[in-house]
Amino acid sequence: MPPFPVYLFDVDGTLLDSIQDIGGAVLEALASTRCRNLQMADLKRFVGVHLLDMFRDLLPEYSAEQYEELIRSYRTVYPARRHQATRVFPGVVEALEALGGRKSTATTKASATARAVLEQFGLLPYFEHVQGTDGFPYKPAPDVIHAALETLGARPEDCLFVGDAPADMEAGRRAGVRICAVRYGYGDPAALARWQPDYWVGDLRELVS
């Protein structure tokens, strides 16, 4: 794989194996609903999806006020878990250490949340910038990628975006950057393949030439 001047990374499912904390918080928020018996495996496809879209998909009959209550519940429970069940995927640290170029995130998390979790797991020093979704449309819209590139002063053609979800691939295509799908994340491989990623990796160390 050729080197790129700029690398953008999704966070959950790409850098961090966070399903136990994210899914656990979702299940707690859903505890009083008809979805209370969902299993962790049922929630993997929602990692990286905005909370409102997830709850709308799971409970289409709910009102806007009920969705807001579910979101408030999740946003209380999730940070209280302190990411105790979250782990860095194998190869991530080694890849970030060895990989040249400028690096930023492009995540559905808020920027402050993303920065805090990267700092907790010792990944923050590898990133020149941390870009989350702050008050603008979330993936698959390309806005978070555009925001990261604008801050870095970079062009789309100089960038590789690495993610694990179909929304990542769509956002990358819409932003005009090259896209790399990881095989170890939470996204369905067939759904990822529909976006014809420029590259696939089974371990982030494969990004290093």
N, C-alpha and C. Protein backbone atom coordinates (compact mmCIF):
# COMPACT_ATOMS: atom_id res chain seq x y z
N MET A 1 0.84 -1.20 0.00
CA MET A 1 0.00 0.00 0.00
C MET A 1 0.88 1.25 0.00
N PRO A 2 0.60 2.20 -0.89
CA PRO A 2 1.44 3.41 -0.91
C PRO A 2 1.21 4.27 0.32
N PRO A 3 2.20 5.06 0.70
CA PRO A 3 1.99 5.98 1.83
C PRO A 3 1.11 7.14 1.41
N PHE A 4 0.40 7.72 2.37
CA PHE A 4 -0.45 8.88 2.12
C PHE A 4 0.01 10.02 3.01
N PRO A 5 -0.11 11.26 2.53
CA PRO A 5 0.25 12.41 3.38
C PRO A 5 -0.64 12.56 4.60
N VAL A 6 -1.92 12.11 4.47
CA VAL A 6 -2.89 12.30 5.56
C VAL A 6 -3.68 11.01 5.75
N TYR A 7 -3.83 10.63 7.02
CA TYR A 7 -4.65 9.46 7.38
C TYR A 7 -5.75 9.91 8.34
N LEU A 8 -6.97 9.54 8.03
CA LEU A 8 -8.09 9.77 8.94
C LEU A 8 -8.60 8.42 9.42
N PHE A 9 -8.97 8.37 10.70
CA PHE A 9 -9.40 7.10 11.29
C PHE A 9 -10.75 7.25 11.99
N ASP A 10 -11.64 6.31 11.72
CA ASP A 10 -12.78 6.09 12.59
C ASP A 10 -12.23 5.61 13.93
N VAL A 11 -13.02 5.67 14.98
CA VAL A 11 -12.54 5.27 16.31
C VAL A 11 -13.11 3.91 16.74
N ASP A 12 -14.41 3.84 16.98
CA ASP A 12 -15.03 2.61 17.48
C ASP A 12 -15.12 1.57 16.38
N GLY A 13 -14.53 0.41 16.62
CA GLY A 13 -14.52 -0.64 15.61
C GLY A 13 -13.31 -0.58 14.70
N THR A 14 -12.54 0.49 14.79
CA THR A 14 -11.33 0.64 13.96
C THR A 14 -10.08 0.74 14.82
N LEU A 15 -10.09 1.65 15.79
CA LEU A 15 -8.99 1.76 16.74
C LEU A 15 -9.30 1.03 18.04
N LEU A 16 -10.55 1.14 18.48
CA LEU A 16 -10.95 0.59 19.78
C LEU A 16 -12.03 -0.47 19.64
N ASP A 17 -11.85 -1.56 20.36
CA ASP A 17 -12.88 -2.60 20.47
C ASP A 17 -13.77 -2.20 21.64
N SER A 18 -14.81 -1.46 21.33
CA SER A 18 -15.61 -0.80 22.37
C SER A 18 -17.04 -1.32 22.46
N ILE A 19 -17.33 -2.43 21.81
CA ILE A 19 -18.71 -2.91 21.74
C ILE A 19 -19.28 -3.22 23.12
N GLN A 20 -18.46 -3.73 24.04
CA GLN A 20 -18.99 -4.09 25.35
C GLN A 20 -19.48 -2.87 26.12
N ASP A 21 -18.76 -1.76 26.01
CA ASP A 21 -19.19 -0.55 26.72
C ASP A 21 -20.31 0.17 25.98
N ILE A 22 -20.18 0.30 24.67
CA ILE A 22 -21.24 0.96 23.91
C ILE A 22 -22.52 0.13 23.96
N GLY A 23 -22.40 -1.17 23.67
CA GLY A 23 -23.57 -2.04 23.69
C GLY A 23 -24.17 -2.15 25.07
N GLY A 24 -23.33 -2.22 26.08
CA GLY A 24 -23.83 -2.29 27.45
C GLY A 24 -24.63 -1.07 27.83
N ALA A 25 -24.16 0.11 27.42
CA ALA A 25 -24.89 1.33 27.71
C ALA A 25 -26.21 1.39 26.95
N VAL A 26 -26.21 0.91 25.70
CA VAL A 26 -27.45 0.87 24.92
C VAL A 26 -28.46 -0.05 25.59
N LEU A 27 -27.99 -1.23 26.02
CA LEU A 27 -28.91 -2.18 26.65
C LEU A 27 -29.49 -1.61 27.95
N GLU A 28 -28.70 -0.87 28.69
CA GLU A 28 -29.23 -0.23 29.90
C GLU A 28 -30.29 0.82 29.54
N ALA A 29 -30.04 1.58 28.48
CA ALA A 29 -31.02 2.59 28.07
C ALA A 29 -32.32 1.94 27.60
N LEU A 30 -32.21 0.74 27.04
CA LEU A 30 -33.37 0.03 26.50
C LEU A 30 -34.05 -0.87 27.52
N ALA A 31 -33.60 -0.85 28.75
CA ALA A 31 -34.04 -1.82 29.76
C ALA A 31 -35.54 -1.83 29.99
N SER A 32 -36.20 -0.69 29.79
CA SER A 32 -37.64 -0.63 30.04
C SER A 32 -38.46 -0.66 28.76
N THR A 33 -37.85 -1.04 27.64
CA THR A 33 -38.55 -1.07 26.36
C THR A 33 -38.73 -2.52 25.90
N ARG A 34 -39.43 -2.69 24.80
CA ARG A 34 -39.63 -4.03 24.25
C ARG A 34 -38.35 -4.62 23.66
N CYS A 35 -37.30 -3.81 23.56
CA CYS A 35 -36.01 -4.27 23.04
C CYS A 35 -35.06 -4.70 24.16
N ARG A 36 -35.59 -4.83 25.36
CA ARG A 36 -34.71 -5.10 26.51
C ARG A 36 -33.98 -6.43 26.41
N ASN A 37 -34.47 -7.36 25.59
CA ASN A 37 -33.83 -8.67 25.49
C ASN A 37 -32.87 -8.80 24.32
N LEU A 38 -32.53 -7.69 23.69
CA LEU A 38 -31.54 -7.74 22.63
C LEU A 38 -30.21 -8.25 23.17
N GLN A 39 -29.46 -8.92 22.29
CA GLN A 39 -28.14 -9.41 22.65
C GLN A 39 -27.06 -8.46 22.12
N MET A 40 -25.89 -8.55 22.70
CA MET A 40 -24.79 -7.68 22.29
C MET A 40 -24.53 -7.82 20.78
N ALA A 41 -24.62 -9.03 20.26
CA ALA A 41 -24.36 -9.24 18.83
C ALA A 41 -25.35 -8.47 17.96
N ASP A 42 -26.56 -8.23 18.47
CA ASP A 42 -27.56 -7.50 17.71
C ASP A 42 -27.21 -6.03 17.56
N LEU A 43 -26.31 -5.54 18.40
CA LEU A 43 -26.01 -4.11 18.43
C LEU A 43 -24.77 -3.73 17.64
N LYS A 44 -23.99 -4.71 17.19
CA LYS A 44 -22.74 -4.39 16.51
C LYS A 44 -22.95 -3.51 15.29
N ARG A 45 -24.03 -3.75 14.57
CA ARG A 45 -24.26 -2.97 13.35
C ARG A 45 -24.55 -1.50 13.64
N PHE A 46 -24.85 -1.19 14.90
CA PHE A 46 -25.16 0.19 15.25
C PHE A 46 -23.96 0.98 15.75
N VAL A 47 -22.83 0.33 15.96
CA VAL A 47 -21.64 1.05 16.43
C VAL A 47 -21.21 2.04 15.35
N GLY A 48 -21.09 3.30 15.72
CA GLY A 48 -20.76 4.34 14.76
C GLY A 48 -21.97 5.01 14.15
N VAL A 49 -23.16 4.46 14.39
CA VAL A 49 -24.40 5.06 13.92
C VAL A 49 -24.87 6.07 14.96
N HIS A 50 -25.44 7.17 14.53
CA HIS A 50 -25.92 8.16 15.49
C HIS A 50 -27.00 7.55 16.36
N LEU A 51 -27.02 7.94 17.63
CA LEU A 51 -27.98 7.37 18.58
C LEU A 51 -29.42 7.52 18.12
N LEU A 52 -29.76 8.67 17.57
CA LEU A 52 -31.14 8.88 17.14
C LEU A 52 -31.53 7.89 16.05
N ASP A 53 -30.63 7.66 15.09
CA ASP A 53 -30.93 6.71 14.02
C ASP A 53 -31.08 5.29 14.57
N MET A 54 -30.23 4.94 15.54
CA MET A 54 -30.31 3.61 16.13
C MET A 54 -31.64 3.41 16.84
N PHE A 55 -32.02 4.35 17.68
CA PHE A 55 -33.27 4.19 18.42
C PHE A 55 -34.49 4.25 17.50
N ARG A 56 -34.41 5.04 16.44
CA ARG A 56 -35.50 5.06 15.46
C ARG A 56 -35.64 3.71 14.77
N ASP A 57 -34.51 3.08 14.47
CA ASP A 57 -34.54 1.78 13.83
C ASP A 57 -35.12 0.72 14.76
N LEU A 58 -34.72 0.76 16.02
CA LEU A 58 -35.15 -0.25 16.98
C LEU A 58 -36.59 -0.05 17.45
N LEU A 59 -36.99 1.22 17.58
CA LEU A 59 -38.30 1.54 18.15
C LEU A 59 -39.00 2.59 17.27
N PRO A 60 -39.41 2.20 16.07
CA PRO A 60 -39.96 3.18 15.14
C PRO A 60 -41.26 3.83 15.60
N GLU A 61 -41.92 3.20 16.57
CA GLU A 61 -43.19 3.73 17.05
C GLU A 61 -43.03 4.83 18.10
N TYR A 62 -41.81 5.09 18.55
CA TYR A 62 -41.60 6.06 19.62
C TYR A 62 -41.76 7.50 19.13
N SER A 63 -42.00 8.39 20.07
CA SER A 63 -42.11 9.83 19.77
C SER A 63 -40.73 10.49 19.89
N ALA A 64 -40.66 11.72 19.41
CA ALA A 64 -39.41 12.47 19.51
C ALA A 64 -38.98 12.62 20.96
N GLU A 65 -39.92 12.84 21.85
CA GLU A 65 -39.60 12.99 23.27
C GLU A 65 -39.05 11.69 23.85
N GLN A 66 -39.61 10.56 23.44
CA GLN A 66 -39.11 9.27 23.92
C GLN A 66 -37.70 8.99 23.41
N TYR A 67 -37.43 9.37 22.16
CA TYR A 67 -36.07 9.20 21.64
C TYR A 67 -35.09 10.04 22.45
N GLU A 68 -35.47 11.26 22.75
CA GLU A 68 -34.60 12.14 23.52
C GLU A 68 -34.32 11.56 24.90
N GLU A 69 -35.30 10.94 25.50
CA GLU A 69 -35.10 10.33 26.81
C GLU A 69 -34.14 9.16 26.72
N LEU A 70 -34.25 8.35 25.68
CA LEU A 70 -33.31 7.24 25.49
C LEU A 70 -31.89 7.75 25.28
N ILE A 71 -31.76 8.81 24.50
CA ILE A 71 -30.44 9.39 24.26
C ILE A 71 -29.85 9.94 25.55
N ARG A 72 -30.66 10.64 26.34
CA ARG A 72 -30.17 11.15 27.63
C ARG A 72 -29.72 10.01 28.54
N SER A 73 -30.48 8.93 28.55
CA SER A 73 -30.11 7.78 29.37
C SER A 73 -28.77 7.21 28.93
N TYR A 74 -28.61 7.01 27.64
CA TYR A 74 -27.35 6.48 27.13
C TYR A 74 -26.19 7.40 27.50
N ARG A 75 -26.37 8.69 27.31
CA ARG A 75 -25.27 9.63 27.55
C ARG A 75 -24.95 9.79 29.03
N THR A 76 -25.81 9.30 29.89
CA THR A 76 -25.50 9.22 31.31
C THR A 76 -24.75 7.93 31.63
N VAL A 77 -25.24 6.85 31.07
CA VAL A 77 -24.69 5.53 31.39
C VAL A 77 -23.32 5.30 30.76
N TYR A 78 -23.17 5.70 29.49
CA TYR A 78 -21.93 5.38 28.76
C TYR A 78 -20.68 5.94 29.44
N PRO A 79 -20.61 7.24 29.75
CA PRO A 79 -19.38 7.72 30.41
C PRO A 79 -19.18 7.14 31.80
N ALA A 80 -20.28 6.78 32.47
CA ALA A 80 -20.15 6.20 33.81
C ALA A 80 -19.46 4.84 33.78
N ARG A 81 -19.48 4.18 32.64
CA ARG A 81 -18.79 2.89 32.52
C ARG A 81 -17.27 3.06 32.47
N ARG A 82 -16.81 4.26 32.15
CA ARG A 82 -15.38 4.62 32.13
C ARG A 82 -14.57 3.72 31.21
N HIS A 83 -15.21 3.19 30.18
CA HIS A 83 -14.54 2.39 29.14
C HIS A 83 -13.79 1.20 29.72
N GLN A 84 -14.30 0.66 30.82
CA GLN A 84 -13.59 -0.42 31.50
C GLN A 84 -13.53 -1.71 30.68
N ALA A 85 -14.47 -1.89 29.76
CA ALA A 85 -14.48 -3.10 28.94
C ALA A 85 -13.96 -2.85 27.53
N THR A 86 -13.46 -1.64 27.29
CA THR A 86 -12.94 -1.28 25.97
C THR A 86 -11.46 -1.62 25.88
N ARG A 87 -11.03 -2.06 24.70
CA ARG A 87 -9.63 -2.43 24.47
C ARG A 87 -9.16 -1.84 23.14
N VAL A 88 -7.87 -1.60 23.03
CA VAL A 88 -7.27 -1.21 21.76
C VAL A 88 -7.10 -2.46 20.91
N PHE A 89 -7.52 -2.39 19.66
CA PHE A 89 -7.36 -3.55 18.79
C PHE A 89 -5.88 -3.89 18.60
N PRO A 90 -5.56 -5.17 18.46
CA PRO A 90 -4.17 -5.57 18.19
C PRO A 90 -3.61 -4.87 16.95
N GLY A 91 -2.38 -4.42 17.05
CA GLY A 91 -1.70 -3.80 15.92
C GLY A 91 -1.90 -2.31 15.78
N VAL A 92 -2.85 -1.73 16.53
CA VAL A 92 -3.15 -0.31 16.36
C VAL A 92 -1.99 0.56 16.81
N VAL A 93 -1.47 0.31 17.99
CA VAL A 93 -0.37 1.14 18.50
C VAL A 93 0.85 1.03 17.60
N GLU A 94 1.18 -0.19 17.22
CA GLU A 94 2.35 -0.39 16.35
C GLU A 94 2.18 0.32 15.02
N ALA A 95 0.96 0.27 14.47
CA ALA A 95 0.71 0.93 13.19
C ALA A 95 0.82 2.44 13.32
N LEU A 96 0.22 3.01 14.35
CA LEU A 96 0.27 4.46 14.52
C LEU A 96 1.69 4.95 14.77
N GLU A 97 2.48 4.14 15.47
CA GLU A 97 3.88 4.50 15.71
C GLU A 97 4.69 4.50 14.43
N ALA A 98 4.43 3.53 13.56
CA ALA A 98 5.26 3.36 12.36
C ALA A 98 4.76 4.16 11.17
N LEU A 99 3.50 4.54 11.18
CA LEU A 99 2.90 5.17 10.02
C LEU A 99 3.32 6.63 9.92
N GLY A 100 3.80 7.02 8.76
CA GLY A 100 4.13 8.42 8.52
C GLY A 100 2.87 9.21 8.22
N GLY A 101 3.04 10.45 7.86
CA GLY A 101 1.90 11.28 7.50
C GLY A 101 1.23 11.91 8.71
N ARG A 102 0.31 12.82 8.43
CA ARG A 102 -0.45 13.49 9.47
C ARG A 102 -1.71 12.69 9.75
N LYS A 103 -2.15 12.70 10.99
CA LYS A 103 -3.26 11.83 11.39
C LYS A 103 -4.32 12.61 12.15
N SER A 104 -5.57 12.25 11.84
CA SER A 104 -6.72 12.79 12.56
C SER A 104 -7.77 11.70 12.66
N THR A 105 -8.69 11.89 13.56
CA THR A 105 -9.86 11.02 13.59
C THR A 105 -10.96 11.65 12.74
N ALA A 106 -11.97 10.83 12.44
CA ALA A 106 -13.20 11.29 11.79
C ALA A 106 -14.29 10.37 12.32
N THR A 107 -14.84 10.74 13.46
CA THR A 107 -15.71 9.85 14.22
C THR A 107 -17.07 10.48 14.49
N THR A 108 -18.05 9.62 14.75
CA THR A 108 -19.38 10.10 15.12
C THR A 108 -19.41 10.61 16.57
N LYS A 109 -18.45 10.19 17.39
CA LYS A 109 -18.35 10.74 18.74
C LYS A 109 -18.14 12.25 18.67
N ALA A 110 -18.55 12.97 19.69
CA ALA A 110 -18.18 14.38 19.81
C ALA A 110 -16.66 14.48 19.95
N SER A 111 -16.11 15.58 19.49
CA SER A 111 -14.65 15.74 19.53
C SER A 111 -14.09 15.60 20.94
N ALA A 112 -14.76 16.23 21.91
CA ALA A 112 -14.27 16.16 23.28
C ALA A 112 -14.30 14.73 23.81
N THR A 113 -15.34 13.98 23.49
CA THR A 113 -15.44 12.59 23.92
C THR A 113 -14.35 11.75 23.27
N ALA A 114 -14.16 11.95 21.97
CA ALA A 114 -13.13 11.20 21.26
C ALA A 114 -11.74 11.49 21.82
N ARG A 115 -11.47 12.75 22.09
CA ARG A 115 -10.16 13.12 22.64
C ARG A 115 -9.94 12.46 24.00
N ALA A 116 -10.96 12.45 24.84
CA ALA A 116 -10.83 11.87 26.17
C ALA A 116 -10.57 10.37 26.11
N VAL A 117 -11.28 9.67 25.24
CA VAL A 117 -11.10 8.22 25.18
C VAL A 117 -9.76 7.86 24.55
N LEU A 118 -9.32 8.62 23.56
CA LEU A 118 -7.99 8.37 22.98
C LEU A 118 -6.89 8.62 24.01
N GLU A 119 -7.08 9.66 24.81
CA GLU A 119 -6.10 9.94 25.87
C GLU A 119 -6.08 8.81 26.89
N GLN A 120 -7.24 8.30 27.26
CA GLN A 120 -7.31 7.23 28.25
C GLN A 120 -6.54 5.99 27.79
N PHE A 121 -6.57 5.72 26.50
CA PHE A 121 -5.92 4.51 25.99
C PHE A 121 -4.55 4.78 25.37
N GLY A 122 -4.01 5.97 25.61
CA GLY A 122 -2.64 6.27 25.19
C GLY A 122 -2.46 6.51 23.71
N LEU A 123 -3.55 6.77 22.99
CA LEU A 123 -3.46 6.95 21.55
C LEU A 123 -3.40 8.41 21.14
N LEU A 124 -3.75 9.33 22.02
CA LEU A 124 -3.83 10.73 21.65
C LEU A 124 -2.54 11.30 21.09
N PRO A 125 -1.36 10.96 21.61
CA PRO A 125 -0.12 11.55 21.08
C PRO A 125 0.14 11.24 19.61
N TYR A 126 -0.51 10.23 19.07
CA TYR A 126 -0.27 9.88 17.67
C TYR A 126 -1.07 10.75 16.71
N PHE A 127 -1.98 11.57 17.22
CA PHE A 127 -2.87 12.34 16.37
C PHE A 127 -2.57 13.83 16.43
N GLU A 128 -2.41 14.41 15.26
CA GLU A 128 -2.24 15.86 15.18
C GLU A 128 -3.54 16.58 15.49
N HIS A 129 -4.65 15.93 15.15
CA HIS A 129 -5.96 16.54 15.33
C HIS A 129 -6.97 15.45 15.70
N VAL A 130 -7.96 15.81 16.48
CA VAL A 130 -9.07 14.90 16.80
C VAL A 130 -10.35 15.57 16.32
N GLN A 131 -10.98 14.95 15.33
CA GLN A 131 -12.21 15.52 14.78
C GLN A 131 -13.38 14.59 15.05
N GLY A 132 -14.36 15.12 15.75
CA GLY A 132 -15.60 14.41 15.97
C GLY A 132 -16.74 15.12 15.27
N THR A 133 -17.94 14.67 15.54
CA THR A 133 -19.12 15.24 14.88
C THR A 133 -19.78 16.22 15.85
N ASP A 134 -19.55 17.49 15.61
CA ASP A 134 -19.96 18.55 16.53
C ASP A 134 -20.96 19.49 15.87
N GLY A 135 -22.24 19.16 15.96
CA GLY A 135 -23.25 20.08 15.47
C GLY A 135 -23.42 20.12 13.97
N PHE A 136 -22.92 19.13 13.26
CA PHE A 136 -23.14 19.04 11.82
C PHE A 136 -23.53 17.60 11.46
N PRO A 137 -24.00 17.35 10.25
CA PRO A 137 -24.46 16.00 9.90
C PRO A 137 -23.38 14.95 10.10
N TYR A 138 -23.81 13.80 10.57
CA TYR A 138 -22.90 12.70 10.88
C TYR A 138 -22.83 11.71 9.73
N LYS A 139 -21.81 10.86 9.76
CA LYS A 139 -21.64 9.86 8.71
C LYS A 139 -22.92 9.03 8.55
N PRO A 140 -23.33 8.75 7.32
CA PRO A 140 -22.55 8.75 6.08
C PRO A 140 -22.38 10.09 5.38
N ALA A 141 -22.89 11.18 5.94
CA ALA A 141 -22.56 12.50 5.39
C ALA A 141 -21.04 12.70 5.50
N PRO A 142 -20.45 13.43 4.57
CA PRO A 142 -18.98 13.58 4.57
C PRO A 142 -18.46 14.70 5.45
N ASP A 143 -19.34 15.36 6.21
CA ASP A 143 -18.95 16.59 6.90
C ASP A 143 -17.78 16.42 7.86
N VAL A 144 -17.74 15.31 8.60
CA VAL A 144 -16.67 15.14 9.58
C VAL A 144 -15.32 14.99 8.88
N ILE A 145 -15.31 14.39 7.71
CA ILE A 145 -14.07 14.27 6.93
C ILE A 145 -13.67 15.65 6.40
N HIS A 146 -14.64 16.38 5.86
CA HIS A 146 -14.33 17.74 5.39
C HIS A 146 -13.77 18.59 6.51
N ALA A 147 -14.34 18.47 7.70
CA ALA A 147 -13.88 19.28 8.84
C ALA A 147 -12.44 18.94 9.21
N ALA A 148 -12.13 17.64 9.23
CA ALA A 148 -10.77 17.23 9.55
C ALA A 148 -9.77 17.73 8.51
N LEU A 149 -10.12 17.59 7.23
CA LEU A 149 -9.22 18.03 6.17
C LEU A 149 -9.03 19.54 6.20
N GLU A 150 -10.11 20.27 6.49
CA GLU A 150 -9.99 21.73 6.55
C GLU A 150 -9.04 22.15 7.67
N THR A 151 -9.16 21.52 8.83
CA THR A 151 -8.27 21.86 9.94
C THR A 151 -6.82 21.55 9.61
N LEU A 152 -6.59 20.44 8.92
CA LEU A 152 -5.23 20.04 8.56
C LEU A 152 -4.71 20.79 7.33
N GLY A 153 -5.59 21.50 6.65
CA GLY A 153 -5.18 22.17 5.42
C GLY A 153 -4.82 21.19 4.33
N ALA A 154 -5.55 20.07 4.27
CA ALA A 154 -5.21 18.98 3.35
C ALA A 154 -6.26 18.85 2.26
N ARG A 155 -5.85 18.25 1.15
CA ARG A 155 -6.75 18.00 0.03
C ARG A 155 -7.30 16.58 0.10
N PRO A 156 -8.51 16.34 -0.38
CA PRO A 156 -9.06 14.98 -0.36
C PRO A 156 -8.18 13.96 -1.06
N GLU A 157 -7.57 14.35 -2.15
CA GLU A 157 -6.75 13.40 -2.91
C GLU A 157 -5.48 12.97 -2.17
N ASP A 158 -5.15 13.67 -1.10
CA ASP A 158 -3.96 13.31 -0.30
C ASP A 158 -4.30 12.40 0.88
N CYS A 159 -5.58 12.02 1.00
CA CYS A 159 -6.05 11.39 2.24
C CYS A 159 -6.53 9.97 2.05
N LEU A 160 -6.25 9.13 3.05
CA LEU A 160 -6.84 7.79 3.17
C LEU A 160 -7.66 7.77 4.44
N PHE A 161 -8.93 7.38 4.31
CA PHE A 161 -9.82 7.26 5.47
C PHE A 161 -10.01 5.79 5.78
N VAL A 162 -9.77 5.42 7.04
CA VAL A 162 -9.82 4.02 7.47
C VAL A 162 -11.00 3.84 8.41
N GLY A 163 -11.88 2.89 8.10
CA GLY A 163 -13.04 2.65 8.94
C GLY A 163 -13.56 1.24 8.83
N ASP A 164 -14.53 0.93 9.66
CA ASP A 164 -15.04 -0.45 9.71
C ASP A 164 -16.50 -0.57 9.31
N ALA A 165 -17.17 0.54 9.04
CA ALA A 165 -18.62 0.52 8.82
C ALA A 165 -18.97 1.00 7.41
N PRO A 166 -20.10 0.53 6.88
CA PRO A 166 -20.55 1.04 5.59
C PRO A 166 -20.70 2.57 5.58
N ALA A 167 -21.13 3.15 6.71
CA ALA A 167 -21.26 4.61 6.79
C ALA A 167 -19.90 5.30 6.61
N ASP A 168 -18.84 4.66 7.09
CA ASP A 168 -17.49 5.21 6.89
C ASP A 168 -17.14 5.21 5.40
N MET A 169 -17.43 4.10 4.75
CA MET A 169 -17.08 3.97 3.34
C MET A 169 -17.87 4.98 2.50
N GLU A 170 -19.15 5.12 2.79
CA GLU A 170 -19.97 6.07 2.04
C GLU A 170 -19.49 7.50 2.27
N ALA A 171 -19.20 7.83 3.53
CA ALA A 171 -18.71 9.18 3.84
C ALA A 171 -17.41 9.46 3.10
N GLY A 172 -16.53 8.49 3.07
CA GLY A 172 -15.26 8.67 2.36
C GLY A 172 -15.45 8.87 0.87
N ARG A 173 -16.32 8.07 0.29
CA ARG A 173 -16.60 8.23 -1.14
C ARG A 173 -17.17 9.62 -1.43
N ARG A 174 -18.11 10.05 -0.59
CA ARG A 174 -18.74 11.35 -0.81
C ARG A 174 -17.77 12.50 -0.59
N ALA A 175 -16.75 12.28 0.25
CA ALA A 175 -15.75 13.32 0.51
C ALA A 175 -14.64 13.35 -0.54
N GLY A 176 -14.58 12.32 -1.38
CA GLY A 176 -13.56 12.28 -2.42
C GLY A 176 -12.20 11.81 -1.97
N VAL A 177 -12.14 11.09 -0.82
CA VAL A 177 -10.87 10.55 -0.34
C VAL A 177 -10.79 9.07 -0.70
N ARG A 178 -9.60 8.49 -0.60
CA ARG A 178 -9.46 7.05 -0.71
C ARG A 178 -9.98 6.40 0.57
N ILE A 179 -10.51 5.19 0.44
CA ILE A 179 -11.10 4.53 1.60
C ILE A 179 -10.49 3.15 1.81
N CYS A 180 -10.32 2.80 3.08
CA CYS A 180 -9.76 1.51 3.48
C CYS A 180 -10.70 0.89 4.50
N ALA A 181 -11.16 -0.31 4.23
CA ALA A 181 -12.05 -1.04 5.14
C ALA A 181 -11.24 -2.01 5.99
N VAL A 182 -11.52 -2.05 7.29
CA VAL A 182 -10.87 -3.03 8.15
C VAL A 182 -11.77 -4.26 8.27
N ARG A 183 -11.17 -5.42 8.24
CA ARG A 183 -11.93 -6.67 8.26
C ARG A 183 -12.30 -7.11 9.68
N TYR A 184 -11.67 -6.51 10.69
CA TYR A 184 -11.85 -6.99 12.07
C TYR A 184 -12.91 -6.22 12.86
N GLY A 185 -13.52 -5.19 12.26
CA GLY A 185 -14.45 -4.34 12.99
C GLY A 185 -15.85 -4.91 13.06
N TYR A 186 -16.81 -4.02 13.15
CA TYR A 186 -18.20 -4.44 13.39
C TYR A 186 -19.06 -4.42 12.13
N GLY A 187 -18.53 -3.90 11.04
CA GLY A 187 -19.32 -3.78 9.82
C GLY A 187 -19.46 -5.10 9.08
N ASP A 188 -20.58 -5.28 8.41
CA ASP A 188 -20.80 -6.47 7.59
C ASP A 188 -19.92 -6.39 6.34
N PRO A 189 -19.08 -7.39 6.09
CA PRO A 189 -18.16 -7.32 4.94
C PRO A 189 -18.87 -7.10 3.61
N ALA A 190 -20.04 -7.73 3.42
CA ALA A 190 -20.76 -7.55 2.16
C ALA A 190 -21.23 -6.11 2.00
N ALA A 191 -21.68 -5.50 3.10
CA ALA A 191 -22.13 -4.11 3.04
C ALA A 191 -20.95 -3.17 2.79
N LEU A 192 -19.80 -3.48 3.36
CA LEU A 192 -18.59 -2.68 3.10
C LEU A 192 -18.18 -2.81 1.65
N ALA A 193 -18.24 -4.02 1.12
CA ALA A 193 -17.77 -4.28 -0.24
C ALA A 193 -18.58 -3.51 -1.28
N ARG A 194 -19.83 -3.20 -0.98
CA ARG A 194 -20.65 -2.48 -1.94
C ARG A 194 -20.09 -1.10 -2.26
N TRP A 195 -19.25 -0.57 -1.36
CA TRP A 195 -18.63 0.72 -1.61
C TRP A 195 -17.27 0.59 -2.30
N GLN A 196 -16.89 -0.63 -2.64
CA GLN A 196 -15.65 -0.89 -3.36
C GLN A 196 -14.45 -0.16 -2.75
N PRO A 197 -14.12 -0.51 -1.48
CA PRO A 197 -12.97 0.15 -0.85
C PRO A 197 -11.71 0.04 -1.70
N ASP A 198 -10.91 1.08 -1.64
CA ASP A 198 -9.64 1.05 -2.37
C ASP A 198 -8.68 0.05 -1.76
N TYR A 199 -8.82 -0.17 -0.45
CA TYR A 199 -7.95 -1.11 0.26
C TYR A 199 -8.75 -1.83 1.34
N TRP A 200 -8.29 -3.02 1.68
CA TRP A 200 -8.80 -3.79 2.82
C TRP A 200 -7.61 -4.17 3.68
N VAL A 201 -7.78 -4.14 5.00
CA VAL A 201 -6.73 -4.62 5.90
C VAL A 201 -7.36 -5.47 7.00
N GLY A 202 -6.62 -6.49 7.41
CA GLY A 202 -7.04 -7.31 8.54
C GLY A 202 -6.36 -6.91 9.82
N ASP A 203 -5.43 -5.97 9.72
CA ASP A 203 -4.63 -5.49 10.85
C ASP A 203 -4.09 -4.14 10.40
N LEU A 204 -4.15 -3.13 11.27
CA LEU A 204 -3.71 -1.79 10.86
C LEU A 204 -2.24 -1.74 10.48
N ARG A 205 -1.46 -2.70 10.93
CA ARG A 205 -0.05 -2.72 10.55
C ARG A 205 0.15 -2.89 9.05
N GLU A 206 -0.89 -3.38 8.37
CA GLU A 206 -0.81 -3.52 6.91
C GLU A 206 -0.82 -2.18 6.20
N LEU A 207 -1.16 -1.11 6.91
CA LEU A 207 -1.09 0.23 6.31
C LEU A 207 0.34 0.69 6.09
N VAL A 208 1.25 0.13 6.84
CA VAL A 208 2.65 0.55 6.78
C VAL A 208 3.33 -0.13 5.60
N SER A 209 3.90 0.66 4.75
CA SER A 209 4.54 0.10 3.54
C SER A 209 5.68 -0.83 3.93
